[in-house]
Protein backbone atom coordinates (compact mmCIF):
# COMPACT_ATOMS: atom_id res chain seq x y z
CA MET A 1 0.17 0.04 -0.06
CA GLN A 2 1.05 3.69 -1.21
CA ARG A 3 0.18 6.85 0.94
CA GLY A 4 -0.70 10.41 -1.37
CA GLU A 5 -3.10 13.31 -1.81
CA LEU A 6 -6.07 13.51 -3.35
CA VAL A 7 -6.27 16.11 -6.04
CA GLN A 8 -8.20 17.71 -8.84
CA TRP A 9 -10.99 15.69 -7.50
CA ASN A 10 -14.45 16.29 -9.82
CA ASP A 11 -17.09 14.84 -7.58
CA SER A 12 -19.50 15.79 -10.21
CA ARG A 13 -17.93 12.78 -12.49
CA GLY A 14 -16.23 10.72 -9.85
CA PHE A 15 -12.63 10.58 -10.16
CA GLY A 16 -9.59 12.46 -9.50
CA PHE A 17 -6.05 12.14 -9.12
CA ILE A 18 -3.45 10.68 -6.33
CA VAL A 19 -0.17 12.50 -5.99
CA THR A 20 2.42 10.42 -3.92
CA ASP A 21 5.55 11.96 -1.58
CA GLN A 22 7.47 10.75 -4.57
CA GLY A 23 5.24 13.19 -7.11
CA GLU A 24 4.05 9.95 -8.94
CA ARG A 25 0.32 10.45 -10.23
CA TYR A 26 -1.89 8.07 -10.15
CA PHE A 27 -5.97 8.17 -11.48
CA VAL A 28 -8.77 7.23 -9.02
CA HIS A 29 -12.03 6.45 -9.90
CA ILE A 30 -15.09 6.30 -7.22
CA SER A 31 -15.47 2.91 -7.67
CA ASN A 32 -11.96 2.57 -6.30
CA ILE A 33 -12.69 4.37 -2.72
CA GLY A 34 -14.18 2.58 0.05
CA ARG A 35 -17.65 3.93 1.02
CA ILE A 36 -17.34 6.49 3.44
CA ALA A 37 -19.53 8.72 5.11
CA THR A 38 -18.49 11.89 3.37
CA ARG A 39 -17.86 12.56 -0.44
CA PRO A 40 -14.25 12.63 -1.44
CA ARG A 41 -12.57 16.42 -1.97
CA ASP A 42 -9.32 17.72 -2.66
CA GLY A 43 -6.88 17.27 -0.07
CA ASP A 44 -7.81 13.89 1.61
CA ILE A 45 -4.83 12.13 2.62
CA VAL A 46 -5.04 8.36 1.34
CA SER A 47 -4.28 4.92 1.30
CA PHE A 48 -3.98 2.91 -1.46
CA ARG A 49 -2.77 0.08 -3.59
CA PRO A 50 -0.90 0.85 -6.69
CA GLY A 51 -1.71 -0.86 -10.06
CA LYS A 52 -2.54 0.11 -13.84
CA SER A 53 -5.69 0.50 -16.34
CA LYS A 54 -6.25 -1.10 -19.00
CA ASP A 55 -5.01 1.35 -21.60
CA GLY A 56 -1.22 1.28 -19.11
CA ARG A 57 -1.66 4.46 -16.89
CA LEU A 58 -1.28 4.93 -13.20
CA GLU A 59 -4.31 3.76 -11.41
CA ALA A 60 -5.38 3.40 -7.82
CA LYS A 61 -6.86 0.66 -6.67
CA SER A 62 -8.61 -0.04 -2.47
CA VAL A 63 -8.59 3.90 -2.05
CA ALA A 64 -8.99 4.67 1.57
CA ILE A 65 -9.63 7.25 2.89
CA MET A 66 -7.25 8.72 6.22
CA GLY A 67 -9.60 9.42 9.11
CA ALA A 68 -12.81 9.16 6.98
CA ASN A 69 -15.70 7.35 9.05
CA PRO A 70 -17.12 4.34 7.03
CA LYS A 71 -20.57 4.57 5.47
CA PRO A 72 -23.35 2.32 7.60
CA SER A 73 -24.23 -0.49 6.03
CA LEU A 74 -27.61 -0.67 3.63
CA ALA A 75 -28.75 -3.49 6.92
CA GLN A 76 -28.09 -0.20 9.64
CA MET A 77 -29.71 2.35 7.29
CA ARG A 78 -32.93 0.25 7.08
CA ARG A 79 -32.89 0.17 10.93
CA GLY A 80 -33.29 3.77 10.66
CA THR A 81 -29.73 4.85 11.27
CA GLU A 82 -29.66 7.57 9.02
CA ILE A 83 -33.37 7.22 7.34
CA LYS A 84 -35.18 10.19 8.32
CA THR A 85 -38.96 10.43 9.06
CA SER A 86 -40.07 14.28 8.65
CA ILE A 87 -40.86 15.67 5.81
CA GLY A 88 -38.28 18.38 4.12
CA TRP A 89 -38.90 21.48 2.57
CA ARG A 90 -38.50 19.65 -0.67
CA PHE A 91 -41.93 18.27 -0.59
CA TYR A 92 -43.47 21.23 0.23
CA LEU A 93 -42.66 23.42 -2.24
CA ALA A 94 -42.89 20.53 -4.66
CA ILE A 95 -46.73 20.84 -3.19
CA ALA A 96 -46.41 24.79 -3.89
CA ILE A 97 -45.52 24.43 -7.56
CA GLY A 98 -48.28 21.63 -8.35
CA LEU A 99 -50.81 23.96 -6.82
CA LEU A 100 -49.52 26.58 -8.56
CA LEU A 101 -49.92 24.80 -11.74
CA ALA A 102 -53.34 23.28 -10.70
CA VAL A 103 -54.73 26.67 -10.00
CA GLY A 104 -53.44 28.23 -13.73
CA LEU A 105 -54.85 25.12 -15.39
CA PHE A 106 -58.28 25.46 -13.27
CA LEU A 107 -58.78 28.76 -14.30
CA GLY A 108 -57.90 28.35 -17.56
CA ARG A 109 -55.07 30.35 -17.81
CA LEU A 110 -52.51 27.83 -18.42
CA PRO A 111 -52.24 25.93 -21.51
CA TRP A 112 -52.69 21.66 -21.69
CA PRO A 113 -49.51 21.02 -23.83
CA LEU A 114 -47.58 23.31 -20.84
CA THR A 115 -48.83 21.25 -17.99
CA LEU A 116 -48.43 18.16 -19.88
CA LEU A 117 -44.58 19.07 -20.30
CA TYR A 118 -44.52 19.71 -16.72
CA VAL A 119 -45.37 16.05 -16.04
CA ALA A 120 -43.78 14.40 -17.81
CA MET A 121 -40.11 16.32 -17.39
CA GLY A 122 -41.60 15.74 -13.62
CA PHE A 123 -41.38 11.62 -14.23
CA VAL A 124 -38.01 11.78 -16.12
CA SER A 125 -36.54 14.03 -13.26
CA PHE A 126 -37.79 11.62 -10.56
CA LEU A 127 -36.60 8.68 -12.51
CA ALA A 128 -33.24 10.41 -12.59
CA TYR A 129 -32.34 11.15 -8.95
CA GLY A 130 -33.65 7.73 -8.45
CA ARG A 131 -31.63 6.07 -10.94
CA ASP A 132 -28.22 8.30 -9.63
CA LYS A 133 -28.60 7.46 -6.49
CA LYS A 134 -28.24 3.38 -7.07
CA PHE A 135 -25.24 4.03 -8.91
CA ALA A 136 -23.86 6.01 -6.16
CA GLU A 137 -24.70 3.08 -4.01
CA GLY A 138 -22.86 1.10 -6.14
CA ARG A 139 -20.11 3.29 -7.21
CA GLN A 140 -20.63 3.24 -10.77
CA TRP A 141 -20.63 6.08 -13.46
CA ARG A 142 -22.83 9.04 -12.49
CA THR A 143 -25.28 11.30 -13.92
CA SER A 144 -23.59 15.41 -13.76
CA GLU A 145 -24.65 17.12 -11.43
CA ALA A 146 -25.44 20.00 -14.59
CA THR A 147 -27.50 17.32 -16.30
CA LEU A 148 -29.90 16.65 -13.36
CA LEU A 149 -30.13 20.72 -12.78
CA GLY A 150 -30.85 21.12 -16.22
CA ILE A 151 -33.85 18.66 -16.29
CA ASP A 152 -35.03 20.38 -13.48
CA LEU A 153 -34.83 23.72 -14.98
CA ALA A 154 -36.31 22.19 -18.29
CA PHE A 155 -40.08 21.96 -16.17
CA GLY A 156 -38.96 18.48 -14.40
CA VAL A 157 -38.74 21.17 -11.13
CA ILE A 158 -41.61 19.13 -9.12
CA GLY A 159 -40.21 15.39 -10.00
CA GLY A 160 -36.70 16.81 -8.72
CA LEU A 161 -37.75 17.87 -5.44
CA LEU A 162 -39.58 15.10 -5.19
CA GLY A 163 -37.20 12.91 -6.08
CA GLN A 164 -34.12 14.68 -3.55
CA GLU A 165 -36.64 13.95 -0.54
CA VAL A 166 -37.87 10.45 -1.38
CA PHE A 167 -34.18 9.05 -2.20
CA ARG A 168 -32.34 11.78 0.07
CA HIS A 169 -30.13 12.40 -2.40
CA LYS A 170 -28.11 15.59 -3.51
CA THR A 171 -29.17 17.07 0.00
CA ARG A 172 -25.97 18.32 1.40
CA LYS A 173 -24.27 20.30 -1.09
CA PRO A 174 -25.30 23.68 -0.59
CA GLU A 175 -23.98 24.73 -3.54
CA TYR A 176 -26.44 22.24 -4.96
CA ILE A 177 -29.53 23.29 -2.52
CA ALA A 178 -28.95 26.68 -3.30
CA THR A 179 -29.22 26.00 -7.04
CA THR A 180 -32.44 23.88 -6.46
CA LEU A 181 -33.86 26.40 -4.76
CA LEU A 182 -33.02 29.28 -7.28
CA ILE A 183 -34.89 26.62 -10.06
CA SER A 184 -37.76 26.44 -7.92
CA VAL A 185 -38.01 30.09 -7.20
CA VAL A 186 -38.23 30.62 -11.20
CA HIS A 187 -40.92 27.99 -12.01
CA LEU A 188 -42.86 29.25 -9.12
CA LEU A 189 -42.95 33.36 -10.24
CA TRP A 190 -43.57 31.49 -13.29
CA LEU A 191 -46.54 29.76 -12.34
CA ALA A 192 -47.72 32.51 -10.50
CA SER A 193 -47.46 35.05 -13.24
CA PHE A 194 -49.89 32.53 -15.06
CA ALA A 195 -52.60 32.08 -12.13
CA TRP A 196 -52.73 36.14 -11.80
CA ASP A 197 -53.07 36.64 -15.42
CA LEU A 198 -49.97 38.33 -15.99
CA ILE A 199 -48.87 35.93 -18.40
CA GLY A 200 -51.70 34.70 -20.70
CA PRO A 201 -51.51 31.47 -22.66
CA ASP A 202 -51.38 33.54 -26.09
CA VAL A 203 -47.67 34.58 -24.95
CA PHE A 204 -46.38 30.97 -26.84
CA ALA A 205 -47.98 32.09 -30.02
CA GLU A 206 -46.58 35.35 -29.83
CA LEU A 207 -43.12 33.48 -29.02
CA GLY A 208 -44.16 31.61 -31.87
CA ASN A 209 -44.73 34.44 -34.03
CA ILE A 210 -41.19 36.14 -33.09
CA VAL A 211 -39.17 33.06 -33.82
CA SER A 212 -40.70 32.54 -37.22
């Protein structure tokens, strides 16, 4: 086993590099890092077994982050050691957006195609969070944060909020939380404008004329 420092860690893509005291540089993938309670980060001191990838480059195997707490097993989590029983703010925010969607539709101020788009993209976003959570637990290749947030922005916000809440995924990183809140506020204001008749369904026809 060798010792080194984790550098240039790309958390969204799940890989980085380890630099040893001798200056050797090893590629490391998240699948080769032992399960821990927190995500790896730049500056972590690690021990690892040196190896080589199929293309011959130096690659770290059996990586252990020094001083990190091991992540509880699935059996422990099922016993409730990490499972929250309370409903978080994401659930209520998703309900608020859904209610505005329903109000706008009921009052005839929201076009049906837009409503169906919210439903369809919400379903896609919910599945994407569930899939990424499963891959994270299995230390497999992950969906990038930009992709997940992009789906939320593209009318999948309700499913995204519910996916974060149900799967307890992407709920700790401050930057991700802030971006999620920003996307939610944008959709709240957008749908509120329809509900209070500040924007009418004819706006889409006008946009179509401008584009054409």
